[in-house]
């Protein structure tokens, strides 16, 4: 459905279910898997960011990604973008976090 490319990762919204799959380097948690390591099989395997589900839109940066959930409209971000995602965060997150002002 959609494909977006960042500096070190790529994400795609799947036609069949509107879920995301991301692949690339995971050195800063940009795949949203809760780790800094690449998935089994290396950095070429697409993985679904944990807890995101169906999305209505998404954005990909150099080491991070964000997605707007289709149900409820929450925006979640993960990876390292150099800015806090929420008030408890200082650099980013290896797991998707709700964006708060």
PDB file of N, CA and C in Angstrom:
ATOM      1  N   UNK A   1       0.834  -1.192   0.000  1.00  0.00           N
ATOM      2  CA  UNK A   1       0.000   0.000   0.000  1.00  0.00           C
ATOM      3  C   UNK A   1       0.878   1.255   0.000  1.00  0.00           C
ATOM      4  N   UNK A   2       1.808   1.337   0.998  1.00  0.00           N
ATOM      5  CA  UNK A   2       2.752   2.461   1.046  1.00  0.00           C
ATOM      6  C   UNK A   2       4.116   1.931   1.439  1.00  0.00           C
ATOM      7  N   UNK A   3       5.163   2.573   0.942  1.00  0.00           N
ATOM      8  CA  UNK A   3       6.543   2.241   1.270  1.00  0.00           C
ATOM      9  C   UNK A   3       7.274   3.543   1.547  1.00  0.00           C
ATOM     10  N   UNK A   4       7.975   3.606   2.681  1.00  0.00           N
ATOM     11  CA  UNK A   4       8.729   4.816   3.015  1.00  0.00           C
ATOM     12  C   UNK A   4      10.131   4.421   3.449  1.00  0.00           C
ATOM     13  N   UNK A   5      11.108   5.217   3.000  1.00  0.00           N
ATOM     14  CA  UNK A   5      12.511   4.913   3.227  1.00  0.00           C
ATOM     15  C   UNK A   5      13.138   5.974   4.112  1.00  0.00           C
ATOM     16  N   UNK A   6      13.873   5.519   5.138  1.00  0.00           N
ATOM     17  CA  UNK A   6      14.648   6.405   6.000  1.00  0.00           C
ATOM     18  C   UNK A   6      16.123   6.166   5.758  1.00  0.00           C
ATOM     19  N   UNK A   7      16.965   6.707   6.625  1.00  0.00           N
ATOM     20  CA  UNK A   7      18.401   6.559   6.459  1.00  0.00           C
ATOM     21  C   UNK A   7      18.894   5.144   6.645  1.00  0.00           C
ATOM     22  N   UNK A   8      18.383   4.450   7.672  1.00  0.00           N
ATOM     23  CA  UNK A   8      18.860   3.102   7.962  1.00  0.00           C
ATOM     24  C   UNK A   8      17.753   2.066   8.035  1.00  0.00           C
ATOM     25  N   UNK A   9      16.526   2.442   7.689  1.00  0.00           N
ATOM     26  CA  UNK A   9      15.442   1.468   7.685  1.00  0.00           C
ATOM     27  C   UNK A   9      14.371   1.836   6.676  1.00  0.00           C
ATOM     28  N   UNK A  10      13.560   0.847   6.364  1.00  0.00           N
ATOM     29  CA  UNK A  10      12.456   0.985   5.414  1.00  0.00           C
ATOM     30  C   UNK A  10      11.222   0.384   6.077  1.00  0.00           C
ATOM     31  N   UNK A  11      10.066   1.006   5.883  1.00  0.00           N
ATOM     32  CA  UNK A  11       8.815   0.443   6.390  1.00  0.00           C
ATOM     33  C   UNK A  11       7.781   0.440   5.267  1.00  0.00           C
ATOM     34  N   UNK A  12       6.914  -0.559   5.322  1.00  0.00           N
ATOM     35  CA  UNK A  12       5.838  -0.677   4.333  1.00  0.00           C
ATOM     36  C   UNK A  12       4.538  -0.989   5.046  1.00  0.00           C
ATOM     37  N   UNK A  13       3.459  -0.374   4.574  1.00  0.00           N
ATOM     38  CA  UNK A  13       2.111  -0.683   5.057  1.00  0.00           C
ATOM     39  C   UNK A  13       1.543  -1.734   4.118  1.00  0.00           C
ATOM     40  N   UNK A  14       1.157  -2.876   4.689  1.00  0.00           N
ATOM     41  CA  UNK A  14       0.694  -3.989   3.873  1.00  0.00           C
ATOM     42  C   UNK A  14      -0.727  -3.772   3.357  1.00  0.00           C
ATOM     43  N   UNK A  15      -0.961  -4.156   2.121  1.00  0.00           N
ATOM     44  CA  UNK A  15      -2.271  -4.015   1.493  1.00  0.00           C
ATOM     45  C   UNK A  15      -3.305  -4.884   2.205  1.00  0.00           C
ATOM     46  N   UNK A  16      -2.933  -6.118   2.572  1.00  0.00           N
ATOM     47  CA  UNK A  16      -3.924  -7.060   3.096  1.00  0.00           C
ATOM     48  C   UNK A  16      -4.446  -6.727   4.481  1.00  0.00           C
ATOM     49  N   UNK A  17      -3.650  -6.047   5.346  1.00  0.00           N
ATOM     50  CA  UNK A  17      -4.155  -5.813   6.705  1.00  0.00           C
ATOM     51  C   UNK A  17      -3.791  -4.448   7.303  1.00  0.00           C
ATOM     52  N   UNK A  18      -3.152  -3.580   6.556  1.00  0.00           N
ATOM     53  CA  UNK A  18      -2.744  -2.239   7.001  1.00  0.00           C
ATOM     54  C   UNK A  18      -1.740  -2.254   8.154  1.00  0.00           C
ATOM     55  N   UNK A  19      -1.116  -3.400   8.427  1.00  0.00           N
ATOM     56  CA  UNK A  19      -0.061  -3.464   9.438  1.00  0.00           C
ATOM     57  C   UNK A  19       1.262  -3.055   8.796  1.00  0.00           C
ATOM     58  N   UNK A  20       2.230  -2.636   9.624  1.00  0.00           N
ATOM     59  CA  UNK A  20       3.551  -2.261   9.131  1.00  0.00           C
ATOM     60  C   UNK A  20       4.500  -3.438   9.157  1.00  0.00           C
ATOM     61  N   UNK A  21       5.450  -3.409   8.253  1.00  0.00           N
ATOM     62  CA  UNK A  21       6.618  -4.278   8.299  1.00  0.00           C
ATOM     63  C   UNK A  21       7.808  -3.366   8.046  1.00  0.00           C
ATOM     64  N   UNK A  22       8.832  -3.499   8.885  1.00  0.00           N
ATOM     65  CA  UNK A  22      10.028  -2.675   8.752  1.00  0.00           C
ATOM     66  C   UNK A  22      11.259  -3.567   8.658  1.00  0.00           C
ATOM     67  N   UNK A  23      12.280  -3.091   7.965  1.00  0.00           N
ATOM     68  CA  UNK A  23      13.524  -3.834   7.872  1.00  0.00           C
ATOM     69  C   UNK A  23      14.668  -2.851   7.700  1.00  0.00           C
ATOM     70  N   UNK A  24      15.880  -3.326   7.989  1.00  0.00           N
ATOM     71  CA  UNK A  24      17.071  -2.496   7.919  1.00  0.00           C
ATOM     72  C   UNK A  24      17.897  -2.657   9.176  1.00  0.00           C
ATOM     73  N   UNK A  25      18.742  -1.672   9.450  1.00  0.00           N
ATOM     74  CA  UNK A  25      19.584  -1.718  10.642  1.00  0.00           C
ATOM     75  C   UNK A  25      18.742  -1.420  11.881  1.00  0.00           C
ATOM     76  N   UNK A  26      19.072  -2.094  12.969  1.00  0.00           N
ATOM     77  CA  UNK A  26      18.317  -1.927  14.208  1.00  0.00           C
ATOM     78  C   UNK A  26      19.213  -1.409  15.340  1.00  0.00           C
ATOM     79  N   UNK A  27      20.285  -0.720  14.988  1.00  0.00           N
ATOM     80  CA  UNK A  27      21.259  -0.294  15.997  1.00  0.00           C
ATOM     81  C   UNK A  27      20.663   0.659  17.025  1.00  0.00           C
ATOM     82  N   UNK A  28      19.619   1.383  16.707  1.00  0.00           N
ATOM     83  CA  UNK A  28      18.980   2.325  17.636  1.00  0.00           C
ATOM     84  C   UNK A  28      17.530   1.961  17.901  1.00  0.00           C
ATOM     85  N   UNK A  29      17.160   0.705  17.667  1.00  0.00           N
ATOM     86  CA  UNK A  29      15.795   0.256  17.941  1.00  0.00           C
ATOM     87  C   UNK A  29      14.781   0.647  16.895  1.00  0.00           C
ATOM     88  N   UNK A  30      15.226   1.009  15.703  1.00  0.00           N
ATOM     89  CA  UNK A  30      14.342   1.493  14.653  1.00  0.00           C
ATOM     90  C   UNK A  30      13.341   0.487  14.116  1.00  0.00           C
ATOM     91  N   UNK A  31      13.499  -0.796  14.468  1.00  0.00           N
ATOM     92  CA  UNK A  31      12.539  -1.802  14.010  1.00  0.00           C
ATOM     93  C   UNK A  31      11.394  -1.999  14.997  1.00  0.00           C
ATOM     94  N   UNK A  32      11.483  -1.383  16.178  1.00  0.00           N
ATOM     95  CA  UNK A  32      10.390  -1.453  17.150  1.00  0.00           C
ATOM     96  C   UNK A  32      10.203  -2.826  17.764  1.00  0.00           C
ATOM     97  N   UNK A  33      11.281  -3.580  17.916  1.00  0.00           N
ATOM     98  CA  UNK A  33      11.215  -4.941  18.439  1.00  0.00           C
ATOM     99  C   UNK A  33      11.567  -5.053  19.922  1.00  0.00           C
ATOM    100  N   UNK A  34      11.938  -3.955  20.551  1.00  0.00           N
ATOM    101  CA  UNK A  34      12.312  -3.991  21.955  1.00  0.00           C
ATOM    102  C   UNK A  34      13.760  -4.370  22.182  1.00  0.00           C
ATOM    103  N   UNK A  35      14.568  -4.381  21.121  1.00  0.00           N
ATOM    104  CA  UNK A  35      15.991  -4.701  21.230  1.00  0.00           C
ATOM    105  C   UNK A  35      16.796  -3.801  20.296  1.00  0.00           C
ATOM    106  N   UNK A  36      18.117  -3.879  20.448  1.00  0.00           N
ATOM    107  CA  UNK A  36      19.027  -3.201  19.522  1.00  0.00           C
ATOM    108  C   UNK A  36      19.589  -4.166  18.489  1.00  0.00           C
ATOM    109  N   UNK A  37      19.262  -5.444  18.597  1.00  0.00           N
ATOM    110  CA  UNK A  37      19.825  -6.441  17.693  1.00  0.00           C
ATOM    111  C   UNK A  37      18.927  -6.628  16.477  1.00  0.00           C
ATOM    112  N   UNK A  38      19.535  -7.060  15.386  1.00  0.00           N
ATOM    113  CA  UNK A  38      18.760  -7.337  14.176  1.00  0.00           C
ATOM    114  C   UNK A  38      17.999  -8.648  14.356  1.00  0.00           C
ATOM    115  N   UNK A  39      16.875  -8.812  13.692  1.00  0.00           N
ATOM    116  CA  UNK A  39      16.100 -10.046  13.825  1.00  0.00           C
ATOM    117  C   UNK A  39      16.877 -11.252  13.297  1.00  0.00           C
ATOM    118  N   UNK A  40      16.448 -12.435  13.698  1.00  0.00           N
ATOM    119  CA  UNK A  40      17.062 -13.662  13.212  1.00  0.00           C
ATOM    120  C   UNK A  40      17.031 -13.647  11.694  1.00  0.00           C
ATOM    121  N   UNK A  41      18.126 -13.956  11.071  1.00  0.00           N
ATOM    122  CA  UNK A  41      18.194 -13.944   9.612  1.00  0.00           C
ATOM    123  C   UNK A  41      18.840 -12.682   9.070  1.00  0.00           C
ATOM    124  N   UNK A  42      19.117 -11.713   9.942  1.00  0.00           N
ATOM    125  CA  UNK A  42      19.803 -10.504   9.499  1.00  0.00           C
ATOM    126  C   UNK A  42      18.891  -9.334   9.260  1.00  0.00           C
ATOM    127  N   UNK A  43      19.485  -8.248   8.778  1.00  0.00           N
ATOM    128  CA  UNK A  43      18.752  -6.993   8.655  1.00  0.00           C
ATOM    129  C   UNK A  43      17.824  -6.929   7.442  1.00  0.00           C
ATOM    130  N   UNK A  44      17.765  -7.978   6.629  1.00  0.00           N
ATOM    131  CA  UNK A  44      16.914  -7.944   5.458  1.00  0.00           C
ATOM    132  C   UNK A  44      15.505  -8.468   5.683  1.00  0.00           C
ATOM    133  N   UNK A  45      15.228  -9.058   6.848  1.00  0.00           N
ATOM    134  CA  UNK A  45      13.917  -9.632   7.098  1.00  0.00           C
ATOM    135  C   UNK A  45      12.929  -8.592   7.608  1.00  0.00           C
ATOM    136  N   UNK A  46      11.770  -8.444   6.974  1.00  0.00           N
ATOM    137  CA  UNK A  46      10.759  -7.511   7.486  1.00  0.00           C
ATOM    138  C   UNK A  46      10.151  -8.026   8.794  1.00  0.00           C
ATOM    139  N   UNK A  47       9.966  -7.119   9.756  1.00  0.00           N
ATOM    140  CA  UNK A  47       9.343  -7.460  11.033  1.00  0.00           C
ATOM    141  C   UNK A  47       8.265  -6.430  11.347  1.00  0.00           C
ATOM    142  N   UNK A  48       7.281  -6.850  12.120  1.00  0.00           N
ATOM    143  CA  UNK A  48       6.207  -5.942  12.525  1.00  0.00           C
ATOM    144  C   UNK A  48       6.586  -5.277  13.845  1.00  0.00           C
ATOM    145  N   UNK A  49       6.568  -3.935  13.916  1.00  0.00           N
ATOM    146  CA  UNK A  49       6.825  -3.260  15.195  1.00  0.00           C
ATOM    147  C   UNK A  49       5.817  -3.731  16.239  1.00  0.00           C
ATOM    148  N   UNK A  50       6.295  -4.056  17.422  1.00  0.00           N
ATOM    149  CA  UNK A  50       5.453  -4.644  18.471  1.00  0.00           C
ATOM    150  C   UNK A  50       4.377  -3.679  18.957  1.00  0.00           C
ATOM    151  N   UNK A  51       3.121  -4.150  18.966  1.00  0.00           N
ATOM    152  CA  UNK A  51       2.022  -3.404  19.551  1.00  0.00           C
ATOM    153  C   UNK A  51       1.446  -2.278  18.719  1.00  0.00           C
ATOM    154  N   UNK A  52       1.852  -2.160  17.470  1.00  0.00           N
ATOM    155  CA  UNK A  52       1.371  -1.046  16.645  1.00  0.00           C
ATOM    156  C   UNK A  52       0.031  -1.383  15.991  1.00  0.00           C
ATOM    157  N   UNK A  53      -0.107  -2.558  15.401  1.00  0.00           N
ATOM    158  CA  UNK A  53      -1.363  -2.951  14.759  1.00  0.00           C
ATOM    159  C   UNK A  53      -1.618  -2.222  13.449  1.00  0.00           C
ATOM    160  N   UNK A  54      -2.897  -2.038  13.123  1.00  0.00           N
ATOM    161  CA  UNK A  54      -3.275  -1.351  11.882  1.00  0.00           C
ATOM    162  C   UNK A  54      -2.920   0.126  11.970  1.00  0.00           C
ATOM    163  N   UNK A  55      -2.432   0.671  10.854  1.00  0.00           N
ATOM    164  CA  UNK A  55      -2.053   2.084  10.829  1.00  0.00           C
ATOM    165  C   UNK A  55      -2.794   2.821   9.719  1.00  0.00           C
ATOM    166  N   UNK A  56      -3.005   4.117   9.946  1.00  0.00           N
ATOM    167  CA  UNK A  56      -3.593   4.957   8.903  1.00  0.00           C
ATOM    168  C   UNK A  56      -2.509   5.744   8.166  1.00  0.00           C
ATOM    169  N   UNK A  57      -1.368   5.957   8.827  1.00  0.00           N
ATOM    170  CA  UNK A  57      -0.236   6.631   8.195  1.00  0.00           C
ATOM    171  C   UNK A  57       1.012   6.316   9.005  1.00  0.00           C
ATOM    172  N   UNK A  58       2.172   6.566   8.422  1.00  0.00           N
ATOM    173  CA  UNK A  58       3.438   6.339   9.121  1.00  0.00           C
ATOM    174  C   UNK A  58       4.532   7.195   8.511  1.00  0.00           C
ATOM    175  N   UNK A  59       5.625   7.371   9.268  1.00  0.00           N
ATOM    176  CA  UNK A  59       6.761   8.191   8.868  1.00  0.00           C
ATOM    177  C   UNK A  59       8.038   7.451   9.226  1.00  0.00           C
ATOM    178  N   UNK A  60       9.063   7.601   8.421  1.00  0.00           N
ATOM    179  CA  UNK A  60      10.338   6.936   8.674  1.00  0.00           C
ATOM    180  C   UNK A  60      11.455   7.971   8.585  1.00  0.00           C
ATOM    181  N   UNK A  61      12.311   7.985   9.615  1.00  0.00           N
ATOM    182  CA  UNK A  61      13.461   8.886   9.631  1.00  0.00           C
ATOM    183  C   UNK A  61      14.748   8.096   9.519  1.00  0.00           C
ATOM    184  N   UNK A  62      15.850   8.691   9.942  1.00  0.00           N
ATOM    185  CA  UNK A  62      17.154   8.054   9.797  1.00  0.00           C
ATOM    186  C   UNK A  62      17.269   6.784  10.645  1.00  0.00           C
ATOM    187  N   UNK A  63      16.958   6.876  11.937  1.00  0.00           N
ATOM    188  CA  UNK A  63      17.040   5.739  12.861  1.00  0.00           C
ATOM    189  C   UNK A  63      15.725   5.504  13.605  1.00  0.00           C
ATOM    190  N   UNK A  64      14.625   6.039  13.120  1.00  0.00           N
ATOM    191  CA  UNK A  64      13.363   5.933  13.853  1.00  0.00           C
ATOM    192  C   UNK A  64      12.179   5.871  12.895  1.00  0.00           C
ATOM    193  N   UNK A  65      11.034   5.493  13.456  1.00  0.00           N
ATOM    194  CA  UNK A  65       9.784   5.495  12.697  1.00  0.00           C
ATOM    195  C   UNK A  65       8.644   5.874  13.637  1.00  0.00           C
ATOM    196  N   UNK A  66       7.572   6.384  13.079  1.00  0.00           N
ATOM    197  CA  UNK A  66       6.360   6.717  13.822  1.00  0.00           C
ATOM    198  C   UNK A  66       5.164   6.225  13.003  1.00  0.00           C
ATOM    199  N   UNK A  67       4.083   5.901  13.694  1.00  0.00           N
ATOM    200  CA  UNK A  67       2.882   5.446  13.004  1.00  0.00           C
ATOM    201  C   UNK A  67       1.652   5.952  13.742  1.00  0.00           C
ATOM    202  N   UNK A  68       0.636   6.314  12.981  1.00  0.00           N
ATOM    203  CA  UNK A  68      -0.657   6.684  13.552  1.00  0.00           C
ATOM    204  C   UNK A  68      -1.557   5.458  13.465  1.00  0.00           C
ATOM    205  N   UNK A  69      -2.026   4.984  14.633  1.00  0.00           N
ATOM    206  CA  UNK A  69      -2.879   3.801  14.653  1.00  0.00           C
ATOM    207  C   UNK A  69      -4.222   4.095  14.009  1.00  0.00           C
ATOM    208  N   UNK A  70      -4.723   3.130  13.224  1.00  0.00           N
ATOM    209  CA  UNK A  70      -6.003   3.300  12.529  1.00  0.00           C
ATOM    210  C   UNK A  70      -7.167   3.378  13.510  1.00  0.00           C
ATOM    211  N   UNK A  71      -7.097   2.618  14.589  1.00  0.00           N
ATOM    212  CA  UNK A  71      -8.141   2.630  15.609  1.00  0.00           C
ATOM    213  C   UNK A  71      -7.663   3.473  16.781  1.00  0.00           C
ATOM    214  N   UNK A  72      -8.385   4.517  17.111  1.00  0.00           N
ATOM    215  CA  UNK A  72      -8.020   5.370  18.236  1.00  0.00           C
ATOM    216  C   UNK A  72      -7.138   6.543  17.874  1.00  0.00           C
ATOM    217  N   UNK A  73      -6.405   6.449  16.783  1.00  0.00           N
ATOM    218  CA  UNK A  73      -5.613   7.570  16.298  1.00  0.00           C
ATOM    219  C   UNK A  73      -4.371   7.918  17.091  1.00  0.00           C
ATOM    220  N   UNK A  74      -3.915   7.032  18.009  1.00  0.00           N
ATOM    221  CA  UNK A  74      -2.688   7.318  18.752  1.00  0.00           C
ATOM    222  C   UNK A  74      -1.495   7.298  17.810  1.00  0.00           C
ATOM    223  N   UNK A  75      -0.539   8.186  18.054  1.00  0.00           N
ATOM    224  CA  UNK A  75       0.718   8.169  17.317  1.00  0.00           C
ATOM    225  C   UNK A  75       1.773   7.536  18.196  1.00  0.00           C
ATOM    226  N   UNK A  76       2.444   6.524  17.650  1.00  0.00           N
ATOM    227  CA  UNK A  76       3.507   5.814  18.344  1.00  0.00           C
ATOM    228  C   UNK A  76       4.818   6.032  17.599  1.00  0.00           C
ATOM    229  N   UNK A  77       5.926   6.162  18.331  1.00  0.00           N
ATOM    230  CA  UNK A  77       7.244   6.294  17.717  1.00  0.00           C
ATOM    231  C   UNK A  77       8.224   5.351  18.398  1.00  0.00           C
ATOM    232  N   UNK A  78       9.260   4.965  17.674  1.00  0.00           N
ATOM    233  CA  UNK A  78      10.301   4.097  18.199  1.00  0.00           C
ATOM    234  C   UNK A  78      11.600   4.365  17.454  1.00  0.00           C
ATOM    235  N   UNK A  79      12.709   3.975  18.077  1.00  0.00           N
ATOM    236  CA  UNK A  79      14.025   4.237  17.511  1.00  0.00           C
ATOM    237  C   UNK A  79      14.608   5.504  18.120  1.00  0.00           C
ATOM    238  N   UNK A  80      15.673   5.997  17.538  1.00  0.00           N
ATOM    239  CA  UNK A  80      16.361   7.185  18.063  1.00  0.00           C
ATOM    240  C   UNK A  80      16.240   8.332  17.075  1.00  0.00           C
ATOM    241  N   UNK A  81      15.546   9.378  17.493  1.00  0.00           N
ATOM    242  CA  UNK A  81      15.401  10.542  16.622  1.00  0.00           C
ATOM    243  C   UNK A  81      16.120  11.762  17.172  1.00  0.00           C
ATOM    244  N   UNK A  82      16.848  11.599  18.296  1.00  0.00           N
ATOM    245  CA  UNK A  82      17.566  12.718  18.889  1.00  0.00           C
ATOM    246  C   UNK A  82      16.696  13.619  19.741  1.00  0.00           C
ATOM    247  N   UNK A  83      15.388  13.344  19.795  1.00  0.00           N
ATOM    248  CA  UNK A  83      14.458  14.136  20.597  1.00  0.00           C
ATOM    249  C   UNK A  83      13.632  13.199  21.470  1.00  0.00           C
ATOM    250  N   UNK A  84      13.139  13.667  22.607  1.00  0.00           N
ATOM    251  CA  UNK A  84      12.282  12.814  23.443  1.00  0.00           C
ATOM    252  C   UNK A  84      10.966  12.477  22.742  1.00  0.00           C
ATOM    253  N   UNK A  85      10.509  11.235  22.953  1.00  0.00           N
ATOM    254  CA  UNK A  85       9.199  10.829  22.434  1.00  0.00           C
ATOM    255  C   UNK A  85       8.115  11.268  23.414  1.00  0.00           C
ATOM    256  N   UNK A  86       8.388  11.142  24.700  1.00  0.00           N
ATOM    257  CA  UNK A  86       7.450  11.624  25.717  1.00  0.00           C
ATOM    258  C   UNK A  86       8.253  12.181  26.897  1.00  0.00           C
ATOM    259  N   UNK A  87       7.597  12.611  27.921  1.00  0.00           N
ATOM    260  CA  UNK A  87       8.278  13.298  29.029  1.00  0.00           C
ATOM    261  C   UNK A  87       9.227  12.385  29.817  1.00  0.00           C
ATOM    262  N   UNK A  88       9.083  11.057  29.718  1.00  0.00           N
ATOM    263  CA  UNK A  88       9.940  10.126  30.440  1.00  0.00           C
ATOM    264  C   UNK A  88      11.147   9.691  29.618  1.00  0.00           C
ATOM    265  N   UNK A  89      11.191  10.103  28.390  1.00  0.00           N
ATOM    266  CA  UNK A  89      12.171   9.612  27.435  1.00  0.00           C
ATOM    267  C   UNK A  89      13.225  10.682  27.159  1.00  0.00           C
ATOM    268  N   UNK A  90      14.455  10.268  26.904  1.00  0.00           N
ATOM    269  CA  UNK A  90      15.506  11.251  26.634  1.00  0.00           C
ATOM    270  C   UNK A  90      16.068  11.181  25.226  1.00  0.00           C
ATOM    271  N   UNK A  91      15.983  10.045  24.546  1.00  0.00           N
ATOM    272  CA  UNK A  91      16.600   9.935  23.217  1.00  0.00           C
ATOM    273  C   UNK A  91      15.768   9.172  22.202  1.00  0.00           C
ATOM    274  N   UNK A  92      14.817   8.397  22.624  1.00  0.00           N
ATOM    275  CA  UNK A  92      14.036   7.544  21.736  1.00  0.00           C
ATOM    276  C   UNK A  92      13.639   6.301  22.501  1.00  0.00           C
ATOM    277  N   UNK A  93      13.220   5.265  21.793  1.00  0.00           N
ATOM    278  CA  UNK A  93      12.781   4.041  22.458  1.00  0.00           C
ATOM    279  C   UNK A  93      12.980   2.849  21.525  1.00  0.00           C
ATOM    280  N   UNK A  94      13.363   1.699  22.095  1.00  0.00           N
ATOM    281  CA  UNK A  94      13.500   0.493  21.286  1.00  0.00           C
ATOM    282  C   UNK A  94      12.155  -0.186  21.065  1.00  0.00           C
ATOM    283  N   UNK A  95      11.116   0.269  21.775  1.00  0.00           N
ATOM    284  CA  UNK A  95       9.754  -0.225  21.586  1.00  0.00           C
ATOM    285  C   UNK A  95       8.831   0.958  21.283  1.00  0.00           C
ATOM    286  N   UNK A  96       7.766   0.735  20.512  1.00  0.00           N
ATOM    287  CA  UNK A  96       6.850   1.830  20.214  1.00  0.00           C
ATOM    288  C   UNK A  96       6.254   2.468  21.469  1.00  0.00           C
ATOM    289  N   UNK A  97       6.323   3.792  21.553  1.00  0.00           N
ATOM    290  CA  UNK A  97       5.768   4.565  22.662  1.00  0.00           C
ATOM    291  C   UNK A  97       4.785   5.578  22.126  1.00  0.00           C
ATOM    292  N   UNK A  98       3.726   5.837  22.895  1.00  0.00           N
ATOM    293  CA  UNK A  98       2.758   6.872  22.527  1.00  0.00           C
ATOM    294  C   UNK A  98       3.453   8.233  22.606  1.00  0.00           C
ATOM    295  N   UNK A  99       3.253   9.031  21.584  1.00  0.00           N
ATOM    296  CA  UNK A  99       3.822  10.383  21.559  1.00  0.00           C
ATOM    297  C   UNK A  99       2.957  11.286  22.417  1.00  0.00           C
ATOM    298  N   UNK A 100       3.596  12.010  23.335  1.00  0.00           N
ATOM    299  CA  UNK A 100       2.888  12.972  24.176  1.00  0.00           C
ATOM    300  C   UNK A 100       3.583  14.315  24.070  1.00  0.00           C
ATOM    301  N   UNK A 101       2.816  15.402  24.177  1.00  0.00           N
ATOM    302  CA  UNK A 101       3.423  16.728  24.083  1.00  0.00           C
ATOM    303  C   UNK A 101       4.289  17.059  25.271  1.00  0.00           C
TER     304      UNK A 101
END
